[in-house]
Amino acid sequence: LLESQSDDDPPLTSHSSSIPPAAAAARSTLWLKISSALFYAVSSFLIMVVNKSVLTSYMFPSFQMVAFGQMLTTVIVLYCGKHLGVVSFPDLEANTFSQLSPLPFITVANMIFGLGGTKELSLPMFTMLRRFSILMTMVAEYWVLNVRQKLSVKISVGLMIFGAIIAALSDLGFNLHGYVFVLLSDFLTAANGVYTKKILGNNKTMGKYGLMFYCSLFMVPFSAAGVLLSGDLWLVIKFPLWSDPVFFIEFLMTCSMGFVLTYSVILCTEHNSALTTTIMGCLKNILVTYLGMFFIGGDYIFSTTNFIGISMSVVGSILYSYVTFKPEGPRNKGMAATVRI
């Protein structure tokens, strides 16, 4: 119908035409920022709950096998999607691996250590130790992307970290392996977010689907080798609950949510900063933290100091979400741009 209007006809008017194009674009951009961040937070929450159920409640013996299943699912889904015309990304070339390096290694290591930490620690302590990924991301953004955060962001991050330290010092269920796994995952999360942002900015043809597909494709053989060399394959084969339909459905959900989470991370990082992606993962932990104390996992040991530290870290998360997503005035917008560049 729009084609039937000639140049001589009066322009069509509507209420939306009164909105300046710049304001409409800013509104659209803000919506993309918030919706992609919320999508990541929900995905991250769901996969953490399902992973914890499979690895702790059902005592599945191999977090490496879970990581392998998540990567293999990502490869299969995107391969089928490309051939069905649902998604598109470049074909494999001789220089594809070098274009993405070191991101594939960072991705698989982050996945394995994150799952290992989930298995070894209670959810409240796991989520608190994940706060350190925020500080590491701020440092990585500064050195790799030359991004400097404003003072209010630094204060909110400092509150999160301080609360996490208090909670960790009073952790009655201390587990050295779990702490090492999570802190390594924190470092790798920071590196993953920053390099994802860098590659998406420098390589427009690869896109988020190509990034997901090739990172998983290149790391599937390494992950399979890890399962074989560690002896986990035999433990997985002997696992007695494969015939339990509830467990089997949860295991399939874990593998599927790995794909959804990877997509949500890249989407959120594409529309926001790497730091925002990291902190949205911690914001969703507000819900996970308190659910984990009473309902999920059943392995949290309560202490007053630990609870206070956790709550301080939660307040810092809420403060960060406010200073990041609140609308900026015209004067502040220009100042913020000079600070962030």
C-alpha atoms as a PDB file:
ATOM      1  CA  LEU A   1       0.000   0.000   0.000  1.00  0.00           C
ATOM      2  CA  LEU A   2       2.890   2.355   0.675  1.00  0.00           C
ATOM      3  CA  GLU A   3       3.986   2.127  -2.974  1.00  0.00           C
ATOM      4  CA  SER A   4       0.606   3.562  -4.095  1.00  0.00           C
ATOM      5  CA  GLN A   5       1.345   6.949  -2.551  1.00  0.00           C
ATOM      6  CA  SER A   6       2.815   9.361  -5.118  1.00  0.00           C
ATOM      7  CA  ASP A   7       5.337  12.103  -4.482  1.00  0.00           C
ATOM      8  CA  ASP A   8       2.533  14.666  -4.866  1.00  0.00           C
ATOM      9  CA  ASP A   9       0.428  13.193  -2.098  1.00  0.00           C
ATOM     10  CA  PRO A  10       0.658  14.708   1.377  1.00  0.00           C
ATOM     11  CA  PRO A  11       2.905  12.729   3.714  1.00  0.00           C
ATOM     12  CA  LEU A  12       1.280  10.183   5.982  1.00  0.00           C
ATOM     13  CA  THR A  13       1.212  11.403   9.556  1.00  0.00           C
ATOM     14  CA  SER A  14       1.101   9.506  12.798  1.00  0.00           C
ATOM     15  CA  HIS A  15       1.856  10.033  16.421  1.00  0.00           C
ATOM     16  CA  SER A  16       5.260   8.350  16.019  1.00  0.00           C
ATOM     17  CA  SER A  17       6.318  10.921  13.370  1.00  0.00           C
ATOM     18  CA  SER A  18       6.639  13.530  16.096  1.00  0.00           C
ATOM     19  CA  ILE A  19       9.491  11.556  17.648  1.00  0.00           C
ATOM     20  CA  PRO A  20      12.864  12.826  16.377  1.00  0.00           C
ATOM     21  CA  PRO A  21      14.877  10.161  14.506  1.00  0.00           C
ATOM     22  CA  ALA A  22      17.773  10.520  16.938  1.00  0.00           C
ATOM     23  CA  ALA A  23      15.473   9.923  19.919  1.00  0.00           C
ATOM     24  CA  ALA A  24      13.868   6.918  18.214  1.00  0.00           C
ATOM     25  CA  ALA A  25      17.281   5.445  17.443  1.00  0.00           C
ATOM     26  CA  ALA A  26      18.416   6.010  21.028  1.00  0.00           C
ATOM     27  CA  ARG A  27      15.251   4.331  22.308  1.00  0.00           C
ATOM     28  CA  SER A  28      15.786   1.369  19.993  1.00  0.00           C
ATOM     29  CA  THR A  29      19.424   1.091  21.064  1.00  0.00           C
ATOM     30  CA  LEU A  30      18.466   1.205  24.745  1.00  0.00           C
ATOM     31  CA  TRP A  31      15.854  -1.510  24.160  1.00  0.00           C
ATOM     32  CA  LEU A  32      18.463  -3.722  22.451  1.00  0.00           C
ATOM     33  CA  LYS A  33      20.877  -3.146  25.324  1.00  0.00           C
ATOM     34  CA  ILE A  34      18.330  -4.000  28.029  1.00  0.00           C
ATOM     35  CA  SER A  35      16.617  -6.900  26.230  1.00  0.00           C
ATOM     36  CA  SER A  36      19.896  -8.597  25.278  1.00  0.00           C
ATOM     37  CA  ALA A  37      21.189  -8.157  28.834  1.00  0.00           C
ATOM     38  CA  LEU A  38      17.984  -9.635  30.326  1.00  0.00           C
ATOM     39  CA  PHE A  39      18.086 -12.526  27.838  1.00  0.00           C
ATOM     40  CA  TYR A  40      21.628 -13.317  28.954  1.00  0.00           C
ATOM     41  CA  ALA A  41      20.698 -13.061  32.641  1.00  0.00           C
ATOM     42  CA  VAL A  42      17.742 -15.466  32.257  1.00  0.00           C
ATOM     43  CA  SER A  43      19.790 -17.919  30.167  1.00  0.00           C
ATOM     44  CA  SER A  44      22.658 -17.822  32.645  1.00  0.00           C
ATOM     45  CA  PHE A  45      20.272 -18.418  35.548  1.00  0.00           C
ATOM     46  CA  LEU A  46      18.596 -21.401  33.879  1.00  0.00           C
ATOM     47  CA  ILE A  47      21.821 -23.126  32.869  1.00  0.00           C
ATOM     48  CA  MET A  48      23.307 -22.672  36.331  1.00  0.00           C
ATOM     49  CA  VAL A  49      20.259 -24.277  37.966  1.00  0.00           C
ATOM     50  CA  VAL A  50      20.213 -27.189  35.498  1.00  0.00           C
ATOM     51  CA  ASN A  51      23.991 -27.716  35.706  1.00  0.00           C
ATOM     52  CA  LYS A  52      23.844 -27.726  39.498  1.00  0.00           C
ATOM     53  CA  SER A  53      21.008 -30.243  39.462  1.00  0.00           C
ATOM     54  CA  VAL A  54      22.815 -32.594  37.058  1.00  0.00           C
ATOM     55  CA  LEU A  55      26.275 -32.355  38.648  1.00  0.00           C
ATOM     56  CA  THR A  56      25.370 -32.126  42.349  1.00  0.00           C
ATOM     57  CA  SER A  57      21.835 -33.376  42.945  1.00  0.00           C
ATOM     58  CA  TYR A  58      22.165 -36.311  40.512  1.00  0.00           C
ATOM     59  CA  MET A  59      25.943 -36.589  41.130  1.00  0.00           C
ATOM     60  CA  PHE A  60      26.801 -36.922  37.444  1.00  0.00           C
ATOM     61  CA  PRO A  61      30.505 -37.900  37.468  1.00  0.00           C
ATOM     62  CA  SER A  62      31.962 -35.746  34.668  1.00  0.00           C
ATOM     63  CA  PHE A  63      31.660 -31.992  34.166  1.00  0.00           C
ATOM     64  CA  GLN A  64      33.977 -32.412  31.163  1.00  0.00           C
ATOM     65  CA  MET A  65      31.338 -34.603  29.502  1.00  0.00           C
ATOM     66  CA  VAL A  66      28.738 -31.896  30.113  1.00  0.00           C
ATOM     67  CA  ALA A  67      31.028 -29.330  28.446  1.00  0.00           C
ATOM     68  CA  PHE A  68      31.537 -31.681  25.491  1.00  0.00           C
ATOM     69  CA  GLY A  69      27.768 -32.139  25.153  1.00  0.00           C
ATOM     70  CA  GLN A  70      27.174 -28.382  25.180  1.00  0.00           C
ATOM     71  CA  MET A  71      29.757 -27.700  22.469  1.00  0.00           C
ATOM     72  CA  LEU A  72      28.585 -30.592  20.293  1.00  0.00           C
ATOM     73  CA  THR A  73      24.974 -29.379  20.550  1.00  0.00           C
ATOM     74  CA  THR A  74      26.041 -25.880  19.466  1.00  0.00           C
ATOM     75  CA  VAL A  75      27.832 -27.275  16.395  1.00  0.00           C
ATOM     76  CA  ILE A  76      24.876 -29.487  15.390  1.00  0.00           C
ATOM     77  CA  VAL A  77      22.217 -26.778  15.860  1.00  0.00           C
ATOM     78  CA  LEU A  78      24.116 -24.100  13.911  1.00  0.00           C
ATOM     79  CA  TYR A  79      25.181 -26.514  11.149  1.00  0.00           C
ATOM     80  CA  CYS A  80      21.564 -27.563  10.609  1.00  0.00           C
ATOM     81  CA  GLY A  81      20.400 -23.946  10.893  1.00  0.00           C
ATOM     82  CA  LYS A  82      22.819 -22.825   8.178  1.00  0.00           C
ATOM     83  CA  HIS A  83      21.781 -25.574   5.763  1.00  0.00           C
ATOM     84  CA  LEU A  84      18.102 -24.811   6.397  1.00  0.00           C
ATOM     85  CA  GLY A  85      18.701 -21.119   5.715  1.00  0.00           C
ATOM     86  CA  VAL A  86      17.749 -20.042   9.244  1.00  0.00           C
ATOM     87  CA  VAL A  87      21.183 -18.574  10.058  1.00  0.00           C
ATOM     88  CA  SER A  88      24.184 -17.628   7.950  1.00  0.00           C
ATOM     89  CA  PHE A  89      27.914 -17.426   8.586  1.00  0.00           C
ATOM     90  CA  PRO A  90      31.076 -17.754   6.426  1.00  0.00           C
ATOM     91  CA  ASP A  91      32.344 -21.135   5.264  1.00  0.00           C
ATOM     92  CA  LEU A  92      35.446 -22.615   6.851  1.00  0.00           C
ATOM     93  CA  GLU A  93      38.658 -21.186   5.401  1.00  0.00           C
ATOM     94  CA  ALA A  94      42.355 -21.734   6.026  1.00  0.00           C
ATOM     95  CA  ASN A  95      42.645 -18.565   8.135  1.00  0.00           C
ATOM     96  CA  THR A  96      39.406 -18.964  10.140  1.00  0.00           C
ATOM     97  CA  PHE A  97      41.169 -20.373  13.189  1.00  0.00           C
ATOM     98  CA  SER A  98      43.793 -17.620  13.227  1.00  0.00           C
ATOM     99  CA  GLN A  99      41.037 -14.982  12.931  1.00  0.00           C
ATOM    100  CA  LEU A 100      39.370 -16.281  16.090  1.00  0.00           C
ATOM    101  CA  SER A 101      42.421 -17.154  18.190  1.00  0.00           C
ATOM    102  CA  PRO A 102      42.749 -17.225  21.144  1.00  0.00           C
ATOM    103  CA  LEU A 103      38.959 -17.168  21.692  1.00  0.00           C
ATOM    104  CA  PRO A 104      38.256 -20.906  21.059  1.00  0.00           C
ATOM    105  CA  PHE A 105      40.730 -21.975  23.765  1.00  0.00           C
ATOM    106  CA  ILE A 106      39.382 -19.351  26.158  1.00  0.00           C
ATOM    107  CA  THR A 107      35.802 -20.497  25.539  1.00  0.00           C
ATOM    108  CA  VAL A 108      36.368 -24.205  26.189  1.00  0.00           C
ATOM    109  CA  ALA A 109      38.570 -23.592  29.236  1.00  0.00           C
ATOM    110  CA  ASN A 110      36.013 -21.169  30.689  1.00  0.00           C
ATOM    111  CA  MET A 111      33.235 -23.706  30.179  1.00  0.00           C
ATOM    112  CA  ILE A 112      35.187 -26.557  31.814  1.00  0.00           C
ATOM    113  CA  PHE A 113      36.397 -24.584  34.844  1.00  0.00           C
ATOM    114  CA  GLY A 114      32.964 -22.996  35.312  1.00  0.00           C
ATOM    115  CA  LEU A 115      31.294 -26.411  35.370  1.00  0.00           C
ATOM    116  CA  GLY A 116      33.986 -27.707  37.720  1.00  0.00           C
ATOM    117  CA  GLY A 117      33.324 -24.846  40.129  1.00  0.00           C
ATOM    118  CA  THR A 118      29.572 -25.459  39.923  1.00  0.00           C
ATOM    119  CA  LYS A 119      30.124 -29.086  40.896  1.00  0.00           C
ATOM    120  CA  GLU A 120      32.489 -28.369  43.809  1.00  0.00           C
ATOM    121  CA  LEU A 121      30.899 -25.322  45.514  1.00  0.00           C
ATOM    122  CA  SER A 122      27.516 -24.346  46.907  1.00  0.00           C
ATOM    123  CA  LEU A 123      25.607 -21.968  44.628  1.00  0.00           C
ATOM    124  CA  PRO A 124      25.809 -18.955  47.004  1.00  0.00           C
ATOM    125  CA  MET A 125      29.615 -19.239  47.252  1.00  0.00           C
ATOM    126  CA  PHE A 126      29.987 -19.982  43.554  1.00  0.00           C
ATOM    127  CA  THR A 127      28.043 -16.839  42.678  1.00  0.00           C
ATOM    128  CA  MET A 128      30.043 -14.729  45.135  1.00  0.00           C
ATOM    129  CA  LEU A 129      33.399 -15.841  43.754  1.00  0.00           C
ATOM    130  CA  ARG A 130      32.130 -15.099  40.257  1.00  0.00           C
ATOM    131  CA  ARG A 131      32.073 -11.413  41.304  1.00  0.00           C
ATOM    132  CA  PHE A 132      35.854 -11.301  40.817  1.00  0.00           C
ATOM    133  CA  SER A 133      35.288 -11.707  37.075  1.00  0.00           C
ATOM    134  CA  ILE A 134      33.934  -8.138  37.137  1.00  0.00           C
ATOM    135  CA  LEU A 135      37.197  -6.654  38.404  1.00  0.00           C
ATOM    136  CA  MET A 136      39.158  -8.768  35.927  1.00  0.00           C
ATOM    137  CA  THR A 137      36.897  -7.601  33.087  1.00  0.00           C
ATOM    138  CA  MET A 138      37.433  -3.941  34.020  1.00  0.00           C
ATOM    139  CA  VAL A 139      41.199  -4.464  33.878  1.00  0.00           C
ATOM    140  CA  ALA A 140      40.981  -6.398  30.593  1.00  0.00           C
ATOM    141  CA  GLU A 141      38.743  -3.740  28.997  1.00  0.00           C
ATOM    142  CA  TYR A 142      41.277  -1.083  29.935  1.00  0.00           C
ATOM    143  CA  TRP A 143      44.308  -2.935  28.528  1.00  0.00           C
ATOM    144  CA  VAL A 144      42.733  -4.539  25.430  1.00  0.00           C
ATOM    145  CA  LEU A 145      39.921  -2.133  24.437  1.00  0.00           C
ATOM    146  CA  ASN A 146      41.196   1.071  26.114  1.00  0.00           C
ATOM    147  CA  VAL A 147      37.872   1.507  27.965  1.00  0.00           C
ATOM    148  CA  ARG A 148      37.821   3.505  31.219  1.00  0.00           C
ATOM    149  CA  GLN A 149      34.824   3.172  33.520  1.00  0.00           C
ATOM    150  CA  LYS A 150      33.266   6.108  35.372  1.00  0.00           C
ATOM    151  CA  LEU A 151      33.595   6.545  39.145  1.00  0.00           C
ATOM    152  CA  SER A 152      30.074   5.308  40.008  1.00  0.00           C
ATOM    153  CA  VAL A 153      30.788   2.035  38.198  1.00  0.00           C
ATOM    154  CA  LYS A 154      34.063   1.597  40.079  1.00  0.00           C
ATOM    155  CA  ILE A 155      32.312   2.203  43.426  1.00  0.00           C
ATOM    156  CA  SER A 156      29.568  -0.351  42.716  1.00  0.00           C
ATOM    157  CA  VAL A 157      32.122  -2.917  41.543  1.00  0.00           C
ATOM    158  CA  GLY A 158      34.208  -2.275  44.648  1.00  0.00           C
ATOM    159  CA  LEU A 159      31.173  -2.944  46.857  1.00  0.00           C
ATOM    160  CA  MET A 160      30.511  -6.215  45.037  1.00  0.00           C
ATOM    161  CA  ILE A 161      34.117  -7.362  45.418  1.00  0.00           C
ATOM    162  CA  PHE A 162      34.324  -6.312  49.090  1.00  0.00           C
ATOM    163  CA  GLY A 163      31.160  -8.248  49.905  1.00  0.00           C
ATOM    164  CA  ALA A 164      32.468 -11.281  48.030  1.00  0.00           C
ATOM    165  CA  ILE A 165      35.717 -11.206  50.031  1.00  0.00           C
ATOM    166  CA  ILE A 166      33.820 -11.060  53.346  1.00  0.00           C
ATOM    167  CA  ALA A 167      31.617 -13.959  52.243  1.00  0.00           C
ATOM    168  CA  ALA A 168      34.618 -16.028  51.122  1.00  0.00           C
ATOM    169  CA  LEU A 169      36.547 -15.463  54.377  1.00  0.00           C
ATOM    170  CA  SER A 170      33.638 -16.841  56.402  1.00  0.00           C
ATOM    171  CA  ASP A 171      32.814 -19.772  54.099  1.00  0.00           C
ATOM    172  CA  LEU A 172      32.325 -22.795  56.363  1.00  0.00           C
ATOM    173  CA  GLY A 173      32.283 -25.166  53.394  1.00  0.00           C
ATOM    174  CA  PHE A 174      35.699 -24.120  52.007  1.00  0.00           C
ATOM    175  CA  ASN A 175      36.814 -26.208  49.018  1.00  0.00           C
ATOM    176  CA  LEU A 176      40.226 -25.374  47.518  1.00  0.00           C
ATOM    177  CA  HIS A 177      39.589 -27.102  44.191  1.00  0.00           C
ATOM    178  CA  GLY A 178      36.284 -25.277  43.812  1.00  0.00           C
ATOM    179  CA  TYR A 179      37.878 -21.896  44.595  1.00  0.00           C
ATOM    180  CA  VAL A 180      40.678 -22.462  42.056  1.00  0.00           C
ATOM    181  CA  PHE A 181      38.201 -23.573  39.372  1.00  0.00           C
ATOM    182  CA  VAL A 182      35.969 -20.526  39.845  1.00  0.00           C
ATOM    183  CA  LEU A 183      38.808 -17.979  39.981  1.00  0.00           C
ATOM    184  CA  LEU A 184      40.273 -19.438  36.783  1.00  0.00           C
ATOM    185  CA  SER A 185      36.797 -19.230  35.245  1.00  0.00           C
ATOM    186  CA  ASP A 186      36.604 -15.569  36.350  1.00  0.00           C
ATOM    187  CA  PHE A 187      39.830 -14.751  34.515  1.00  0.00           C
ATOM    188  CA  LEU A 188      38.660 -16.628  31.424  1.00  0.00           C
ATOM    189  CA  THR A 189      35.225 -14.945  31.537  1.00  0.00           C
ATOM    190  CA  ALA A 190      36.924 -11.548  31.445  1.00  0.00           C
ATOM    191  CA  ALA A 191      39.133 -12.610  28.540  1.00  0.00           C
ATOM    192  CA  ASN A 192      36.171 -14.174  26.717  1.00  0.00           C
ATOM    193  CA  GLY A 193      34.048 -11.015  26.946  1.00  0.00           C
ATOM    194  CA  VAL A 194      36.807  -8.668  25.856  1.00  0.00           C
ATOM    195  CA  TYR A 195      38.031 -10.777  22.921  1.00  0.00           C
ATOM    196  CA  THR A 196      34.443 -11.446  21.784  1.00  0.00           C
ATOM    197  CA  LYS A 197      33.878  -7.674  21.675  1.00  0.00           C
ATOM    198  CA  LYS A 198      37.154  -7.167  19.825  1.00  0.00           C
ATOM    199  CA  ILE A 199      36.529  -9.884  17.202  1.00  0.00           C
ATOM    200  CA  LEU A 200      32.932  -8.778  16.565  1.00  0.00           C
ATOM    201  CA  GLY A 201      34.205  -5.233  16.053  1.00  0.00           C
ATOM    202  CA  ASN A 202      37.120  -6.160  13.776  1.00  0.00           C
ATOM    203  CA  ASN A 203      35.525  -8.983  11.751  1.00  0.00           C
ATOM    204  CA  LYS A 204      32.049  -7.982  10.555  1.00  0.00           C
ATOM    205  CA  THR A 205      31.688 -10.953   8.173  1.00  0.00           C
ATOM    206  CA  MET A 206      32.119 -13.590  10.874  1.00  0.00           C
ATOM    207  CA  GLY A 207      29.125 -12.443  12.948  1.00  0.00           C
ATOM    208  CA  LYS A 208      27.847 -13.949  16.165  1.00  0.00           C
ATOM    209  CA  TYR A 209      26.729 -17.234  14.573  1.00  0.00           C
ATOM    210  CA  GLY A 210      30.103 -17.830  12.941  1.00  0.00           C
ATOM    211  CA  LEU A 211      31.819 -17.003  16.210  1.00  0.00           C
ATOM    212  CA  MET A 212      29.679 -19.540  18.095  1.00  0.00           C
ATOM    213  CA  PHE A 213      29.987 -22.265  15.461  1.00  0.00           C
ATOM    214  CA  TYR A 214      33.727 -22.169  14.865  1.00  0.00           C
ATOM    215  CA  CYS A 215      34.716 -21.700  18.517  1.00  0.00           C
ATOM    216  CA  SER A 216      32.733 -24.840  19.362  1.00  0.00           C
ATOM    217  CA  LEU A 217      33.824 -26.751  16.231  1.00  0.00           C
ATOM    218  CA  PHE A 218      37.531 -26.182  16.840  1.00  0.00           C
ATOM    219  CA  MET A 219      37.277 -27.184  20.497  1.00  0.00           C
ATOM    220  CA  VAL A 220      35.094 -30.324  20.194  1.00  0.00           C
ATOM    221  CA  PRO A 221      38.131 -32.579  19.448  1.00  0.00           C
ATOM    222  CA  PHE A 222      40.072 -31.146  22.409  1.00  0.00           C
ATOM    223  CA  SER A 223      37.084 -31.608  24.701  1.00  0.00           C
ATOM    224  CA  ALA A 224      36.585 -35.201  23.509  1.00  0.00           C
ATOM    225  CA  ALA A 225      40.271 -35.920  24.129  1.00  0.00           C
ATOM    226  CA  GLY A 226      39.938 -34.539  27.658  1.00  0.00           C
ATOM    227  CA  VAL A 227      37.016 -36.859  28.401  1.00  0.00           C
ATOM    228  CA  LEU A 228      38.946 -39.870  27.080  1.00  0.00           C
ATOM    229  CA  LEU A 229      42.298 -39.122  28.736  1.00  0.00           C
ATOM    230  CA  SER A 230      40.760 -38.338  32.135  1.00  0.00           C
ATOM    231  CA  GLY A 231      38.924 -41.667  32.237  1.00  0.00           C
ATOM    232  CA  ASP A 232      35.585 -39.881  32.559  1.00  0.00           C
ATOM    233  CA  LEU A 233      34.097 -41.749  29.587  1.00  0.00           C
ATOM    234  CA  TRP A 234      34.020 -45.019  31.522  1.00  0.00           C
ATOM    235  CA  LEU A 235      32.402 -43.294  34.517  1.00  0.00           C
ATOM    236  CA  VAL A 236      29.770 -41.771  32.229  1.00  0.00           C
ATOM    237  CA  ILE A 237      29.008 -45.138  30.606  1.00  0.00           C
ATOM    238  CA  LYS A 238      28.608 -46.764  34.028  1.00  0.00           C
ATOM    239  CA  PHE A 239      26.416 -43.950  35.400  1.00  0.00           C
ATOM    240  CA  PRO A 240      23.260 -45.675  36.678  1.00  0.00           C
ATOM    241  CA  LEU A 241      20.666 -42.951  35.995  1.00  0.00           C
ATOM    242  CA  TRP A 242      20.641 -42.979  32.186  1.00  0.00           C
ATOM    243  CA  SER A 243      17.372 -44.902  32.348  1.00  0.00           C
ATOM    244  CA  ASP A 244      15.804 -42.220  34.591  1.00  0.00           C
ATOM    245  CA  PRO A 245      13.673 -40.064  32.231  1.00  0.00           C
ATOM    246  CA  VAL A 246      13.806 -37.000  34.512  1.00  0.00           C
ATOM    247  CA  PHE A 247      17.618 -37.040  34.654  1.00  0.00           C
ATOM    248  CA  PHE A 248      17.868 -37.690  30.917  1.00  0.00           C
ATOM    249  CA  ILE A 249      15.632 -34.699  30.157  1.00  0.00           C
ATOM    250  CA  GLU A 250      17.714 -32.484  32.475  1.00  0.00           C
ATOM    251  CA  PHE A 251      20.932 -33.675  30.801  1.00  0.00           C
ATOM    252  CA  LEU A 252      19.502 -32.777  27.379  1.00  0.00           C
ATOM    253  CA  MET A 253      18.440 -29.393  28.786  1.00  0.00           C
ATOM    254  CA  THR A 254      21.990 -28.827  30.037  1.00  0.00           C
ATOM    255  CA  CYS A 255      23.413 -29.516  26.579  1.00  0.00           C
ATOM    256  CA  SER A 256      20.785 -27.325  24.872  1.00  0.00           C
ATOM    257  CA  MET A 257      21.184 -24.453  27.329  1.00  0.00           C
ATOM    258  CA  GLY A 258      24.900 -24.391  26.548  1.00  0.00           C
ATOM    259  CA  PHE A 259      24.000 -23.239  23.033  1.00  0.00           C
ATOM    260  CA  VAL A 260      21.434 -20.713  24.313  1.00  0.00           C
ATOM    261  CA  LEU A 261      23.892 -19.294  26.850  1.00  0.00           C
ATOM    262  CA  THR A 262      26.683 -18.914  24.285  1.00  0.00           C
ATOM    263  CA  TYR A 263      24.309 -17.071  21.944  1.00  0.00           C
ATOM    264  CA  SER A 264      23.048 -14.797  24.730  1.00  0.00           C
ATOM    265  CA  VAL A 265      26.618 -13.935  25.827  1.00  0.00           C
ATOM    266  CA  ILE A 266      27.627 -12.901  22.305  1.00  0.00           C
ATOM    267  CA  LEU A 267      24.366 -10.994  21.749  1.00  0.00           C
ATOM    268  CA  CYS A 268      24.704  -9.103  25.036  1.00  0.00           C
ATOM    269  CA  THR A 269      28.376  -8.304  24.384  1.00  0.00           C
ATOM    270  CA  GLU A 270      27.490  -7.098  20.873  1.00  0.00           C
ATOM    271  CA  HIS A 271      24.998  -4.507  22.192  1.00  0.00           C
ATOM    272  CA  ASN A 272      26.695  -3.680  25.514  1.00  0.00           C
ATOM    273  CA  SER A 273      30.183  -3.512  26.981  1.00  0.00           C
ATOM    274  CA  ALA A 274      32.016  -6.659  28.037  1.00  0.00           C
ATOM    275  CA  LEU A 275      31.750  -5.379  31.614  1.00  0.00           C
ATOM    276  CA  THR A 276      27.954  -5.077  31.391  1.00  0.00           C
ATOM    277  CA  THR A 277      27.735  -8.676  30.135  1.00  0.00           C
ATOM    278  CA  THR A 278      29.861  -9.847  33.047  1.00  0.00           C
ATOM    279  CA  ILE A 279      27.825  -7.937  35.620  1.00  0.00           C
ATOM    280  CA  MET A 280      24.476  -9.080  34.186  1.00  0.00           C
ATOM    281  CA  GLY A 281      25.706 -12.588  34.870  1.00  0.00           C
ATOM    282  CA  CYS A 282      26.287 -11.512  38.452  1.00  0.00           C
ATOM    283  CA  LEU A 283      22.939  -9.702  38.709  1.00  0.00           C
ATOM    284  CA  LYS A 284      21.067 -12.880  37.914  1.00  0.00           C
ATOM    285  CA  ASN A 285      23.028 -14.435  40.767  1.00  0.00           C
ATOM    286  CA  ILE A 286      20.956 -12.329  43.184  1.00  0.00           C
ATOM    287  CA  LEU A 287      18.121 -14.779  42.620  1.00  0.00           C
ATOM    288  CA  VAL A 288      20.430 -17.797  42.404  1.00  0.00           C
ATOM    289  CA  THR A 289      22.169 -16.818  45.643  1.00  0.00           C
ATOM    290  CA  TYR A 290      19.086 -16.810  47.834  1.00  0.00           C
ATOM    291  CA  LEU A 291      17.467 -19.777  46.093  1.00  0.00           C
ATOM    292  CA  GLY A 292      20.729 -21.675  46.535  1.00  0.00           C
ATOM    293  CA  MET A 293      20.663 -21.087  50.279  1.00  0.00           C
ATOM    294  CA  PHE A 294      17.362 -22.851  50.762  1.00  0.00           C
ATOM    295  CA  PHE A 295      16.200 -24.742  47.662  1.00  0.00           C
ATOM    296  CA  ILE A 296      18.886 -25.534  45.041  1.00  0.00           C
ATOM    297  CA  GLY A 297      21.806 -27.891  45.613  1.00  0.00           C
ATOM    298  CA  GLY A 298      21.328 -28.324  49.366  1.00  0.00           C
ATOM    299  CA  ASP A 299      25.060 -27.829  50.101  1.00  0.00           C
ATOM    300  CA  TYR A 300      25.139 -24.275  51.517  1.00  0.00           C
ATOM    301  CA  ILE A 301      26.334 -23.885  55.137  1.00  0.00           C
ATOM    302  CA  PHE A 302      24.843 -20.736  56.721  1.00  0.00           C
ATOM    303  CA  SER A 303      26.837 -18.253  58.812  1.00  0.00           C
ATOM    304  CA  THR A 304      25.916 -14.662  59.736  1.00  0.00           C
ATOM    305  CA  THR A 305      29.136 -13.100  58.390  1.00  0.00           C
ATOM    306  CA  ASN A 306      28.865 -15.049  55.154  1.00  0.00           C
ATOM    307  CA  PHE A 307      25.257 -13.921  54.712  1.00  0.00           C
ATOM    308  CA  ILE A 308      26.208 -10.258  55.333  1.00  0.00           C
ATOM    309  CA  GLY A 309      29.012 -10.464  52.751  1.00  0.00           C
ATOM    310  CA  ILE A 310      26.687 -12.013  50.189  1.00  0.00           C
ATOM    311  CA  SER A 311      24.058  -9.315  50.783  1.00  0.00           C
ATOM    312  CA  MET A 312      26.651  -6.516  50.427  1.00  0.00           C
ATOM    313  CA  SER A 313      27.702  -7.961  47.091  1.00  0.00           C
ATOM    314  CA  VAL A 314      24.066  -8.102  45.989  1.00  0.00           C
ATOM    315  CA  VAL A 315      23.596  -4.397  46.865  1.00  0.00           C
ATOM    316  CA  GLY A 316      26.637  -3.586  44.734  1.00  0.00           C
ATOM    317  CA  SER A 317      25.092  -5.499  41.825  1.00  0.00           C
ATOM    318  CA  ILE A 318      21.847  -3.532  42.106  1.00  0.00           C
ATOM    319  CA  LEU A 319      23.772  -0.232  42.277  1.00  0.00           C
ATOM    320  CA  TYR A 320      25.716  -1.124  39.135  1.00  0.00           C
ATOM    321  CA  SER A 321      22.550  -1.949  37.203  1.00  0.00           C
ATOM    322  CA  TYR A 322      21.148   1.465  38.173  1.00  0.00           C
ATOM    323  CA  VAL A 323      24.186   3.539  37.170  1.00  0.00           C
ATOM    324  CA  THR A 324      24.587   1.584  33.906  1.00  0.00           C
ATOM    325  CA  PHE A 325      21.040   1.605  32.548  1.00  0.00           C
ATOM    326  CA  LYS A 326      19.623   4.887  33.905  1.00  0.00           C
ATOM    327  CA  PRO A 327      18.871   7.424  31.120  1.00  0.00           C
ATOM    328  CA  GLU A 328      21.583  10.066  30.772  1.00  0.00           C
ATOM    329  CA  GLY A 329      20.882  13.766  30.303  1.00  0.00           C
ATOM    330  CA  PRO A 330      22.304  15.680  27.330  1.00  0.00           C
ATOM    331  CA  ARG A 331      25.168  17.127  29.375  1.00  0.00           C
ATOM    332  CA  ASN A 332      26.063  13.858  31.059  1.00  0.00           C
ATOM    333  CA  LYS A 333      25.900  11.968  27.772  1.00  0.00           C
ATOM    334  CA  GLY A 334      28.764  13.942  26.279  1.00  0.00           C
ATOM    335  CA  MET A 335      30.830  13.597  29.423  1.00  0.00           C
ATOM    336  CA  ALA A 336      30.191   9.853  29.582  1.00  0.00           C
ATOM    337  CA  ALA A 337      31.329   9.469  25.992  1.00  0.00           C
ATOM    338  CA  THR A 338      34.664  11.110  26.740  1.00  0.00           C
ATOM    339  CA  VAL A 339      35.198   8.908  29.771  1.00  0.00           C
ATOM    340  CA  ARG A 340      34.360   5.638  28.020  1.00  0.00           C
ATOM    341  CA  ILE A 341      36.456   6.140  24.877  1.00  0.00           C
END
